[in-house]
Amino acid sequence: MAVDVLVTGGDTELGRTVAEGFRDDGHKVTLVGARRSDLEIAAKELDVDAIVCDTTDAASLDEARGLFPHHLDTIVNVPAPRWEAGDPRTYSIADTAKAWRNELDATVLSAVLTVQAVGDNLCSGGAIISVVAENPAVGSVDAAIKSTLSSWISAREVSPSTPWLPGAACSPVTKAFRAHRRPSDPRWPAWPCS
């Protein structure tokens, strides 16, 4: 059965790969991303709909709200970092602050704002999937993000039919989607569902 899937971070390689997996399984996909040129190229190559919107910016989401599909079965939050990190061992305090803010905005804030903006469009029993690092180093920004998203997801009122795990919601869609995982890409999560 085909489902309607919204994929944020559609202007990134990871977002494109996620969307491609759902599309290849016969699902209707809408990509969301802030970088118009990258998003339009991905949407054209995949033959899917696209919405130019910065999911870390409340005003951008408000402006685009009417463009989102009115029925969604799955929301996939793919982070779209805006800052290229170097070696954290060489960071100044300002660099550390910038790296953490960027990662928190790209991963946590974007997920929270996206779900708030389009969550009412999510059907009963729908899934919210947030892509996070699989095994982050203790004390790292990725570990903090995984913990934060896990707590936020656990605190949300969700349908009893939607099982939640730290970092990912498992559903038949994600199980089928697992076949599209690129094992060589360390950013790609291993789906912890059987």
N, C-alpha and C. Protein backbone atom coordinates (compact mmCIF):
# COMPACT_ATOMS: atom_id res chain seq x y z
N MET A 1 0.84 -1.17 0.00
CA MET A 1 0.00 0.00 0.00
C MET A 1 0.89 1.25 0.00
N ALA A 2 0.69 2.13 -0.93
CA ALA A 2 1.47 3.36 -1.02
C ALA A 2 1.06 4.33 0.07
N VAL A 3 2.04 5.05 0.60
CA VAL A 3 1.80 6.05 1.63
C VAL A 3 2.37 7.39 1.18
N ASP A 4 1.92 8.45 1.85
CA ASP A 4 2.43 9.80 1.57
C ASP A 4 3.52 10.12 2.58
N VAL A 5 4.71 10.45 2.06
CA VAL A 5 5.89 10.65 2.90
C VAL A 5 6.46 12.05 2.67
N LEU A 6 6.73 12.75 3.77
CA LEU A 6 7.40 14.06 3.73
C LEU A 6 8.83 13.85 4.20
N VAL A 7 9.80 14.25 3.39
CA VAL A 7 11.22 14.08 3.74
C VAL A 7 11.85 15.46 3.81
N THR A 8 12.29 15.87 5.01
CA THR A 8 13.02 17.12 5.14
C THR A 8 14.49 16.86 4.81
N GLY A 9 15.26 17.92 4.64
CA GLY A 9 16.66 17.75 4.26
C GLY A 9 16.77 17.22 2.84
N GLY A 10 15.75 17.48 2.03
CA GLY A 10 15.72 17.00 0.66
C GLY A 10 16.77 17.63 -0.23
N ASP A 11 17.44 18.65 0.28
CA ASP A 11 18.51 19.30 -0.47
C ASP A 11 19.88 18.75 -0.09
N THR A 12 19.89 17.60 0.62
CA THR A 12 21.14 16.93 1.00
C THR A 12 21.20 15.58 0.33
N GLU A 13 22.38 15.01 0.23
CA GLU A 13 22.53 13.68 -0.35
C GLU A 13 21.78 12.63 0.48
N LEU A 14 21.85 12.74 1.78
CA LEU A 14 21.15 11.78 2.64
C LEU A 14 19.64 11.90 2.47
N GLY A 15 19.13 13.12 2.43
CA GLY A 15 17.69 13.31 2.21
C GLY A 15 17.24 12.77 0.87
N ARG A 16 18.05 12.99 -0.14
CA ARG A 16 17.73 12.48 -1.48
C ARG A 16 17.70 10.96 -1.47
N THR A 17 18.64 10.34 -0.78
CA THR A 17 18.70 8.88 -0.72
C THR A 17 17.49 8.31 0.03
N VAL A 18 17.11 8.96 1.12
CA VAL A 18 15.92 8.53 1.87
C VAL A 18 14.70 8.63 0.96
N ALA A 19 14.53 9.76 0.29
CA ALA A 19 13.37 9.96 -0.60
C ALA A 19 13.37 8.93 -1.73
N GLU A 20 14.53 8.66 -2.27
CA GLU A 20 14.63 7.69 -3.35
C GLU A 20 14.18 6.30 -2.90
N GLY A 21 14.55 5.93 -1.67
CA GLY A 21 14.13 4.63 -1.14
C GLY A 21 12.62 4.51 -1.04
N PHE A 22 11.98 5.55 -0.51
CA PHE A 22 10.52 5.53 -0.41
C PHE A 22 9.88 5.55 -1.80
N ARG A 23 10.40 6.39 -2.68
CA ARG A 23 9.86 6.48 -4.04
C ARG A 23 9.98 5.15 -4.77
N ASP A 24 11.13 4.49 -4.64
CA ASP A 24 11.35 3.21 -5.30
C ASP A 24 10.41 2.13 -4.78
N ASP A 25 9.94 2.29 -3.56
CA ASP A 25 8.98 1.33 -2.99
C ASP A 25 7.54 1.71 -3.34
N GLY A 26 7.38 2.72 -4.19
CA GLY A 26 6.06 3.07 -4.70
C GLY A 26 5.29 4.09 -3.89
N HIS A 27 5.96 4.78 -2.98
CA HIS A 27 5.29 5.76 -2.14
C HIS A 27 5.34 7.16 -2.76
N LYS A 28 4.37 8.00 -2.40
CA LYS A 28 4.34 9.39 -2.87
C LYS A 28 5.21 10.22 -1.92
N VAL A 29 6.20 10.87 -2.47
CA VAL A 29 7.19 11.60 -1.67
C VAL A 29 7.14 13.09 -1.96
N THR A 30 7.23 13.89 -0.90
CA THR A 30 7.41 15.32 -1.02
C THR A 30 8.71 15.68 -0.31
N LEU A 31 9.62 16.33 -1.03
CA LEU A 31 10.90 16.76 -0.46
C LEU A 31 10.76 18.19 0.08
N VAL A 32 11.47 18.47 1.17
CA VAL A 32 11.53 19.82 1.73
C VAL A 32 13.00 20.16 1.95
N GLY A 33 13.39 21.37 1.57
CA GLY A 33 14.77 21.80 1.78
C GLY A 33 14.90 23.29 1.57
N ALA A 34 15.94 23.87 2.14
CA ALA A 34 16.15 25.32 2.09
C ALA A 34 16.92 25.78 0.87
N ARG A 35 17.76 24.92 0.32
CA ARG A 35 18.59 25.31 -0.83
C ARG A 35 17.85 24.97 -2.12
N ARG A 36 17.23 25.99 -2.70
CA ARG A 36 16.35 25.82 -3.86
C ARG A 36 16.99 25.02 -4.99
N SER A 37 18.20 25.38 -5.40
CA SER A 37 18.80 24.72 -6.57
C SER A 37 19.03 23.22 -6.31
N ASP A 38 19.59 22.87 -5.15
CA ASP A 38 19.82 21.46 -4.83
C ASP A 38 18.51 20.70 -4.71
N LEU A 39 17.51 21.33 -4.12
CA LEU A 39 16.20 20.70 -3.93
C LEU A 39 15.52 20.46 -5.28
N GLU A 40 15.54 21.45 -6.15
CA GLU A 40 14.89 21.31 -7.45
C GLU A 40 15.56 20.22 -8.30
N ILE A 41 16.88 20.12 -8.22
CA ILE A 41 17.58 19.06 -8.95
C ILE A 41 17.16 17.70 -8.43
N ALA A 42 17.15 17.53 -7.11
CA ALA A 42 16.75 16.24 -6.53
C ALA A 42 15.31 15.90 -6.89
N ALA A 43 14.41 16.86 -6.77
CA ALA A 43 13.00 16.61 -7.07
C ALA A 43 12.80 16.23 -8.53
N LYS A 44 13.53 16.89 -9.43
CA LYS A 44 13.40 16.58 -10.86
C LYS A 44 13.95 15.20 -11.16
N GLU A 45 15.11 14.87 -10.59
CA GLU A 45 15.72 13.56 -10.84
C GLU A 45 14.86 12.43 -10.29
N LEU A 46 14.21 12.66 -9.14
CA LEU A 46 13.39 11.63 -8.51
C LEU A 46 11.94 11.66 -8.97
N ASP A 47 11.56 12.74 -9.67
CA ASP A 47 10.18 12.94 -10.11
C ASP A 47 9.22 12.94 -8.91
N VAL A 48 9.54 13.81 -7.94
CA VAL A 48 8.70 13.97 -6.74
C VAL A 48 8.42 15.46 -6.55
N ASP A 49 7.46 15.76 -5.68
CA ASP A 49 7.15 17.15 -5.36
C ASP A 49 8.21 17.73 -4.43
N ALA A 50 8.33 19.06 -4.45
CA ALA A 50 9.31 19.73 -3.58
C ALA A 50 8.73 21.03 -3.05
N ILE A 51 9.14 21.34 -1.82
CA ILE A 51 8.75 22.59 -1.16
C ILE A 51 10.02 23.25 -0.65
N VAL A 52 10.29 24.46 -1.10
CA VAL A 52 11.45 25.20 -0.62
C VAL A 52 11.07 25.83 0.71
N CYS A 53 11.78 25.41 1.76
CA CYS A 53 11.46 25.87 3.10
C CYS A 53 12.62 25.54 4.03
N ASP A 54 12.99 26.46 4.89
CA ASP A 54 14.02 26.22 5.89
C ASP A 54 13.32 25.73 7.16
N THR A 55 13.45 24.45 7.46
CA THR A 55 12.75 23.86 8.61
C THR A 55 13.33 24.27 9.96
N THR A 56 14.41 25.03 9.96
CA THR A 56 14.94 25.56 11.22
C THR A 56 14.42 26.97 11.49
N ASP A 57 13.61 27.49 10.56
CA ASP A 57 13.12 28.86 10.66
C ASP A 57 11.59 28.87 10.73
N ALA A 58 11.05 29.31 11.86
CA ALA A 58 9.60 29.31 12.08
C ALA A 58 8.86 30.13 11.02
N ALA A 59 9.41 31.27 10.65
CA ALA A 59 8.76 32.13 9.65
C ALA A 59 8.70 31.42 8.29
N SER A 60 9.76 30.73 7.92
CA SER A 60 9.77 30.00 6.66
C SER A 60 8.73 28.89 6.66
N LEU A 61 8.61 28.17 7.78
CA LEU A 61 7.61 27.11 7.88
C LEU A 61 6.20 27.68 7.84
N ASP A 62 5.96 28.80 8.52
CA ASP A 62 4.64 29.43 8.48
C ASP A 62 4.28 29.84 7.06
N GLU A 63 5.24 30.40 6.35
CA GLU A 63 5.01 30.85 4.98
C GLU A 63 4.69 29.67 4.05
N ALA A 64 5.32 28.53 4.28
CA ALA A 64 5.14 27.37 3.40
C ALA A 64 4.03 26.43 3.86
N ARG A 65 3.45 26.67 5.01
CA ARG A 65 2.49 25.73 5.61
C ARG A 65 1.40 25.27 4.63
N GLY A 66 0.85 26.17 3.85
CA GLY A 66 -0.22 25.82 2.92
C GLY A 66 0.24 24.95 1.75
N LEU A 67 1.54 24.83 1.55
CA LEU A 67 2.08 24.04 0.44
C LEU A 67 2.26 22.56 0.79
N PHE A 68 2.26 22.25 2.09
CA PHE A 68 2.49 20.88 2.53
C PHE A 68 1.28 20.00 2.21
N PRO A 69 1.50 18.72 1.93
CA PRO A 69 0.37 17.82 1.70
C PRO A 69 -0.57 17.82 2.92
N HIS A 70 -1.86 17.71 2.65
CA HIS A 70 -2.84 17.73 3.74
C HIS A 70 -3.01 16.37 4.40
N HIS A 71 -2.45 15.35 3.80
CA HIS A 71 -2.49 14.00 4.37
C HIS A 71 -1.08 13.42 4.31
N LEU A 72 -0.56 13.05 5.46
CA LEU A 72 0.76 12.44 5.52
C LEU A 72 0.69 11.16 6.34
N ASP A 73 1.41 10.15 5.90
CA ASP A 73 1.52 8.91 6.66
C ASP A 73 2.83 8.85 7.42
N THR A 74 3.85 9.54 6.90
CA THR A 74 5.19 9.49 7.50
C THR A 74 5.88 10.83 7.30
N ILE A 75 6.53 11.29 8.37
CA ILE A 75 7.40 12.46 8.30
C ILE A 75 8.81 11.98 8.64
N VAL A 76 9.75 12.20 7.72
CA VAL A 76 11.14 11.81 7.95
C VAL A 76 11.96 13.09 8.08
N ASN A 77 12.51 13.31 9.26
CA ASN A 77 13.34 14.48 9.53
C ASN A 77 14.81 14.12 9.28
N VAL A 78 15.35 14.63 8.17
CA VAL A 78 16.75 14.41 7.82
C VAL A 78 17.49 15.72 8.09
N PRO A 79 18.51 15.68 8.93
CA PRO A 79 19.24 16.92 9.23
C PRO A 79 19.95 17.48 8.00
N ALA A 80 19.96 18.81 7.92
CA ALA A 80 20.66 19.50 6.83
C ALA A 80 21.59 20.54 7.44
N PRO A 81 22.72 20.09 7.99
CA PRO A 81 23.66 21.04 8.61
C PRO A 81 24.11 22.11 7.64
N ARG A 82 24.31 23.31 8.16
CA ARG A 82 24.68 24.46 7.34
C ARG A 82 26.15 24.86 7.56
N TRP A 83 26.87 24.08 8.36
CA TRP A 83 28.24 24.45 8.69
C TRP A 83 29.11 23.22 8.56
N GLU A 84 30.20 23.34 7.85
CA GLU A 84 31.14 22.24 7.70
C GLU A 84 32.07 22.21 8.90
N ALA A 85 31.94 21.17 9.68
CA ALA A 85 32.76 21.05 10.89
C ALA A 85 34.17 20.58 10.54
N GLY A 86 35.11 21.07 11.27
CA GLY A 86 36.49 20.61 11.14
C GLY A 86 36.79 19.61 12.24
N ASP A 87 38.00 19.60 12.70
CA ASP A 87 38.42 18.70 13.77
C ASP A 87 38.06 19.33 15.11
N PRO A 88 37.13 18.73 15.88
CA PRO A 88 36.70 19.34 17.14
C PRO A 88 37.83 19.52 18.15
N ARG A 89 38.91 18.79 17.99
CA ARG A 89 40.04 18.94 18.92
C ARG A 89 40.73 20.28 18.75
N THR A 90 40.49 20.94 17.61
CA THR A 90 41.12 22.24 17.35
C THR A 90 40.17 23.41 17.55
N TYR A 91 38.95 23.14 18.00
CA TYR A 91 37.94 24.18 18.14
C TYR A 91 38.28 25.18 19.24
N SER A 92 37.98 26.42 18.94
CA SER A 92 37.95 27.43 20.00
C SER A 92 36.60 27.28 20.69
N ILE A 93 36.38 28.03 21.76
CA ILE A 93 35.08 27.99 22.43
C ILE A 93 34.00 28.46 21.46
N ALA A 94 34.27 29.48 20.68
CA ALA A 94 33.30 29.98 19.69
C ALA A 94 32.98 28.92 18.64
N ASP A 95 34.01 28.18 18.18
CA ASP A 95 33.78 27.11 17.21
C ASP A 95 32.89 26.02 17.80
N THR A 96 33.14 25.66 19.05
CA THR A 96 32.33 24.64 19.73
C THR A 96 30.88 25.09 19.82
N ALA A 97 30.67 26.33 20.21
CA ALA A 97 29.31 26.87 20.30
C ALA A 97 28.62 26.84 18.94
N LYS A 98 29.34 27.24 17.90
CA LYS A 98 28.77 27.26 16.56
C LYS A 98 28.43 25.84 16.09
N ALA A 99 29.31 24.88 16.34
CA ALA A 99 29.07 23.49 15.94
C ALA A 99 27.84 22.92 16.65
N TRP A 100 27.74 23.14 17.96
CA TRP A 100 26.59 22.62 18.72
C TRP A 100 25.30 23.28 18.26
N ARG A 101 25.31 24.59 18.10
CA ARG A 101 24.08 25.29 17.66
C ARG A 101 23.64 24.80 16.28
N ASN A 102 24.59 24.63 15.38
CA ASN A 102 24.27 24.16 14.04
C ASN A 102 23.63 22.77 14.09
N GLU A 103 24.26 21.86 14.83
CA GLU A 103 23.74 20.49 14.91
C GLU A 103 22.38 20.44 15.61
N LEU A 104 22.23 21.19 16.69
CA LEU A 104 20.94 21.21 17.39
C LEU A 104 19.85 21.80 16.51
N ASP A 105 20.15 22.89 15.79
CA ASP A 105 19.16 23.48 14.88
C ASP A 105 18.80 22.50 13.76
N ALA A 106 19.82 21.90 13.15
CA ALA A 106 19.60 21.04 11.98
C ALA A 106 18.88 19.75 12.34
N THR A 107 19.07 19.26 13.55
CA THR A 107 18.51 17.96 13.90
C THR A 107 17.32 18.05 14.85
N VAL A 108 17.45 18.79 15.94
CA VAL A 108 16.37 18.85 16.94
C VAL A 108 15.35 19.92 16.59
N LEU A 109 15.80 21.17 16.46
CA LEU A 109 14.87 22.26 16.21
C LEU A 109 14.08 22.03 14.92
N SER A 110 14.74 21.59 13.87
CA SER A 110 14.03 21.36 12.60
C SER A 110 12.96 20.29 12.76
N ALA A 111 13.24 19.22 13.50
CA ALA A 111 12.24 18.16 13.72
C ALA A 111 11.05 18.70 14.51
N VAL A 112 11.35 19.42 15.59
CA VAL A 112 10.28 19.97 16.44
C VAL A 112 9.41 20.94 15.65
N LEU A 113 10.02 21.87 14.94
CA LEU A 113 9.24 22.86 14.18
C LEU A 113 8.46 22.22 13.04
N THR A 114 9.06 21.26 12.35
CA THR A 114 8.36 20.59 11.25
C THR A 114 7.13 19.85 11.76
N VAL A 115 7.29 19.11 12.84
CA VAL A 115 6.15 18.36 13.40
C VAL A 115 5.08 19.33 13.90
N GLN A 116 5.49 20.44 14.50
CA GLN A 116 4.50 21.41 14.95
C GLN A 116 3.76 22.02 13.75
N ALA A 117 4.47 22.29 12.68
CA ALA A 117 3.86 22.93 11.50
C ALA A 117 2.93 21.99 10.73
N VAL A 118 3.32 20.73 10.58
CA VAL A 118 2.53 19.82 9.74
C VAL A 118 2.02 18.59 10.48
N GLY A 119 2.23 18.54 11.77
CA GLY A 119 1.81 17.37 12.54
C GLY A 119 0.32 17.07 12.45
N ASP A 120 -0.50 18.11 12.31
CA ASP A 120 -1.95 17.89 12.18
C ASP A 120 -2.28 17.19 10.87
N ASN A 121 -1.37 17.20 9.91
CA ASN A 121 -1.58 16.53 8.63
C ASN A 121 -1.20 15.05 8.69
N LEU A 122 -0.60 14.62 9.80
CA LEU A 122 -0.17 13.24 9.96
C LEU A 122 -1.36 12.38 10.37
N CYS A 123 -1.60 11.32 9.61
CA CYS A 123 -2.75 10.47 9.88
C CYS A 123 -2.57 9.70 11.18
N SER A 124 -3.65 9.24 11.74
CA SER A 124 -3.62 8.44 12.95
C SER A 124 -2.77 7.20 12.70
N GLY A 125 -1.84 6.92 13.59
CA GLY A 125 -0.96 5.78 13.42
C GLY A 125 0.22 6.06 12.52
N GLY A 126 0.35 7.31 12.05
CA GLY A 126 1.47 7.68 11.19
C GLY A 126 2.78 7.66 11.96
N ALA A 127 3.88 7.74 11.23
CA ALA A 127 5.21 7.65 11.84
C ALA A 127 5.98 8.95 11.67
N ILE A 128 6.71 9.30 12.73
CA ILE A 128 7.67 10.40 12.68
C ILE A 128 9.04 9.76 12.85
N ILE A 129 9.90 9.93 11.86
CA ILE A 129 11.23 9.33 11.89
C ILE A 129 12.25 10.46 11.90
N SER A 130 13.14 10.45 12.87
CA SER A 130 14.22 11.42 12.93
C SER A 130 15.53 10.69 12.74
N VAL A 131 16.25 11.06 11.71
CA VAL A 131 17.52 10.40 11.38
C VAL A 131 18.60 10.99 12.27
N VAL A 132 19.24 10.11 13.04
CA VAL A 132 20.31 10.53 13.96
C VAL A 132 21.48 9.57 13.81
N ALA A 133 22.62 9.96 14.37
CA ALA A 133 23.80 9.11 14.34
C ALA A 133 23.50 7.80 15.08
N GLU A 134 24.00 6.70 14.54
CA GLU A 134 23.70 5.39 15.10
C GLU A 134 24.34 5.17 16.48
N ASN A 135 25.63 5.35 16.58
CA ASN A 135 26.34 5.13 17.84
C ASN A 135 27.23 6.34 18.15
N PRO A 136 26.61 7.43 18.61
CA PRO A 136 27.41 8.63 18.86
C PRO A 136 28.35 8.45 20.05
N ALA A 137 29.47 9.15 20.00
CA ALA A 137 30.44 9.11 21.10
C ALA A 137 29.82 9.75 22.34
N VAL A 138 30.09 9.16 23.49
CA VAL A 138 29.59 9.69 24.75
C VAL A 138 30.07 11.13 24.92
N GLY A 139 29.14 12.01 25.29
CA GLY A 139 29.48 13.41 25.50
C GLY A 139 29.51 14.25 24.24
N SER A 140 29.25 13.64 23.09
CA SER A 140 29.28 14.38 21.83
C SER A 140 27.95 15.08 21.60
N VAL A 141 27.95 16.02 20.66
CA VAL A 141 26.71 16.70 20.30
C VAL A 141 25.72 15.69 19.74
N ASP A 142 26.18 14.68 19.00
CA ASP A 142 25.28 13.66 18.46
C ASP A 142 24.61 12.85 19.58
N ALA A 143 25.35 12.56 20.65
CA ALA A 143 24.76 11.85 21.79
C ALA A 143 23.70 12.71 22.47
N ALA A 144 23.97 13.99 22.61
CA ALA A 144 23.00 14.91 23.21
C ALA A 144 21.75 15.01 22.35
N ILE A 145 21.94 15.06 21.05
CA ILE A 145 20.82 15.14 20.12
C ILE A 145 19.96 13.88 20.19
N LYS A 146 20.60 12.73 20.19
CA LYS A 146 19.86 11.46 20.24
C LYS A 146 19.05 11.39 21.53
N SER A 147 19.65 11.78 22.64
CA SER A 147 18.95 11.78 23.92
C SER A 147 17.79 12.77 23.92
N THR A 148 18.02 13.96 23.39
CA THR A 148 16.99 14.99 23.34
C THR A 148 15.81 14.55 22.48
N LEU A 149 16.09 14.03 21.29
CA LEU A 149 15.01 13.58 20.43
C LEU A 149 14.25 12.41 21.04
N SER A 150 14.96 11.51 21.68
CA SER A 150 14.31 10.38 22.33
C SER A 150 13.34 10.85 23.41
N SER A 151 13.79 11.80 24.24
CA SER A 151 12.92 12.34 25.29
C SER A 151 11.74 13.09 24.70
N TRP A 152 12.00 13.88 23.65
CA TRP A 152 10.92 14.66 23.04
C TRP A 152 9.88 13.74 22.42
N ILE A 153 10.34 12.73 21.69
CA ILE A 153 9.41 11.79 21.06
C ILE A 153 8.61 11.04 22.13
N SER A 154 9.27 10.60 23.19
CA SER A 154 8.59 9.87 24.26
C SER A 154 7.52 10.72 24.93
N ALA A 155 7.74 12.02 25.02
CA ALA A 155 6.81 12.91 25.71
C ALA A 155 5.61 13.29 24.85
N ARG A 156 5.71 13.07 23.55
CA ARG A 156 4.60 13.44 22.65
C ARG A 156 3.47 12.44 22.78
N GLU A 157 2.27 12.92 22.58
CA GLU A 157 1.13 12.01 22.53
C GLU A 157 1.15 11.36 21.17
N VAL A 158 1.32 10.04 21.16
CA VAL A 158 1.36 9.32 19.89
C VAL A 158 0.32 8.21 19.92
N SER A 159 -0.02 7.74 18.76
CA SER A 159 -0.95 6.64 18.63
C SER A 159 -0.34 5.39 19.26
N PRO A 160 -1.12 4.60 19.97
CA PRO A 160 -0.58 3.37 20.56
C PRO A 160 -0.06 2.40 19.50
N SER A 161 -0.48 2.55 18.27
CA SER A 161 -0.03 1.64 17.22
C SER A 161 1.32 2.04 16.64
N THR A 162 1.87 3.19 17.08
CA THR A 162 3.15 3.65 16.56
C THR A 162 4.24 3.36 17.58
N PRO A 163 5.10 2.35 17.33
CA PRO A 163 6.18 2.07 18.28
C PRO A 163 7.30 3.10 18.12
N TRP A 164 7.82 3.60 19.22
CA TRP A 164 8.87 4.62 19.18
C TRP A 164 10.15 4.07 19.76
N LEU A 165 11.23 4.38 19.12
CA LEU A 165 12.56 4.02 19.60
C LEU A 165 13.43 5.25 19.56
N PRO A 166 14.52 5.30 20.33
CA PRO A 166 15.39 6.47 20.28
C PRO A 166 15.92 6.70 18.86
N GLY A 167 15.46 7.76 18.25
CA GLY A 167 15.99 8.12 16.95
C GLY A 167 15.17 7.67 15.77
N ALA A 168 14.27 6.71 15.94
CA ALA A 168 13.50 6.27 14.78
C ALA A 168 12.19 5.67 15.20
N ALA A 169 11.18 5.90 14.41
CA ALA A 169 9.90 5.22 14.58
C ALA A 169 9.89 4.08 13.59
N CYS A 170 9.59 2.90 14.04
CA CYS A 170 9.58 1.75 13.15
C CYS A 170 8.17 1.53 12.63
N SER A 171 8.05 1.26 11.38
CA SER A 171 6.77 0.97 10.77
C SER A 171 7.04 0.08 9.57
N PRO A 172 6.01 -0.49 8.97
CA PRO A 172 6.25 -1.29 7.78
C PRO A 172 6.99 -0.51 6.69
N VAL A 173 6.77 0.81 6.65
CA VAL A 173 7.44 1.62 5.63
C VAL A 173 8.95 1.60 5.87
N THR A 174 9.37 1.81 7.11
CA THR A 174 10.81 1.87 7.37
C THR A 174 11.44 0.49 7.24
N LYS A 175 10.69 -0.58 7.52
CA LYS A 175 11.24 -1.91 7.35
C LYS A 175 11.55 -2.17 5.88
N ALA A 176 10.62 -1.79 5.00
CA ALA A 176 10.86 -1.96 3.57
C ALA A 176 11.98 -1.04 3.11
N PHE A 177 12.04 0.11 3.71
CA PHE A 177 13.01 1.14 3.36
C PHE A 177 14.44 0.74 3.74
N ARG A 178 14.57 -0.14 4.76
CA ARG A 178 15.88 -0.54 5.25
C ARG A 178 16.77 -1.11 4.14
N ALA A 179 16.18 -1.70 3.14
CA ALA A 179 16.97 -2.28 2.05
C ALA A 179 17.76 -1.22 1.29
N HIS A 180 17.38 0.04 1.42
CA HIS A 180 18.06 1.10 0.68
C HIS A 180 19.20 1.73 1.48
N ARG A 181 19.50 1.17 2.64
CA ARG A 181 20.57 1.70 3.47
C ARG A 181 21.91 1.56 2.77
N ARG A 182 22.72 2.58 2.91
CA ARG A 182 24.07 2.53 2.37
C ARG A 182 25.03 2.24 3.52
N PRO A 183 25.47 0.99 3.68
CA PRO A 183 26.31 0.64 4.82
C PRO A 183 27.60 1.45 4.89
N SER A 184 28.09 1.94 3.76
CA SER A 184 29.34 2.67 3.76
C SER A 184 29.18 4.10 4.27
N ASP A 185 27.95 4.58 4.41
CA ASP A 185 27.71 5.95 4.86
C ASP A 185 27.50 5.96 6.37
N PRO A 186 28.48 6.47 7.15
CA PRO A 186 28.37 6.43 8.61
C PRO A 186 27.23 7.28 9.16
N ARG A 187 26.69 8.22 8.36
CA ARG A 187 25.59 9.04 8.84
C ARG A 187 24.27 8.28 8.79
N TRP A 188 24.24 7.17 8.07
CA TRP A 188 23.01 6.44 7.84
C TRP A 188 22.70 5.56 9.05
N PRO A 189 21.51 5.65 9.61
CA PRO A 189 21.19 4.87 10.81
C PRO A 189 20.90 3.40 10.47
N ALA A 190 21.20 2.54 11.40
CA ALA A 190 20.76 1.15 11.29
C ALA A 190 19.39 1.12 11.96
N TRP A 191 18.38 0.66 11.26
CA TRP A 191 17.04 0.67 11.84
C TRP A 191 16.97 -0.38 12.91
N PRO A 192 16.67 0.02 14.14
CA PRO A 192 16.68 -0.92 15.25
C PRO A 192 15.38 -1.71 15.39
N CYS A 193 14.71 -1.99 14.28
CA CYS A 193 13.48 -2.76 14.36
C CYS A 193 13.65 -4.05 13.60
N SER A 194 12.91 -5.04 14.02
CA SER A 194 13.04 -6.35 13.38
C SER A 194 11.94 -6.57 12.37
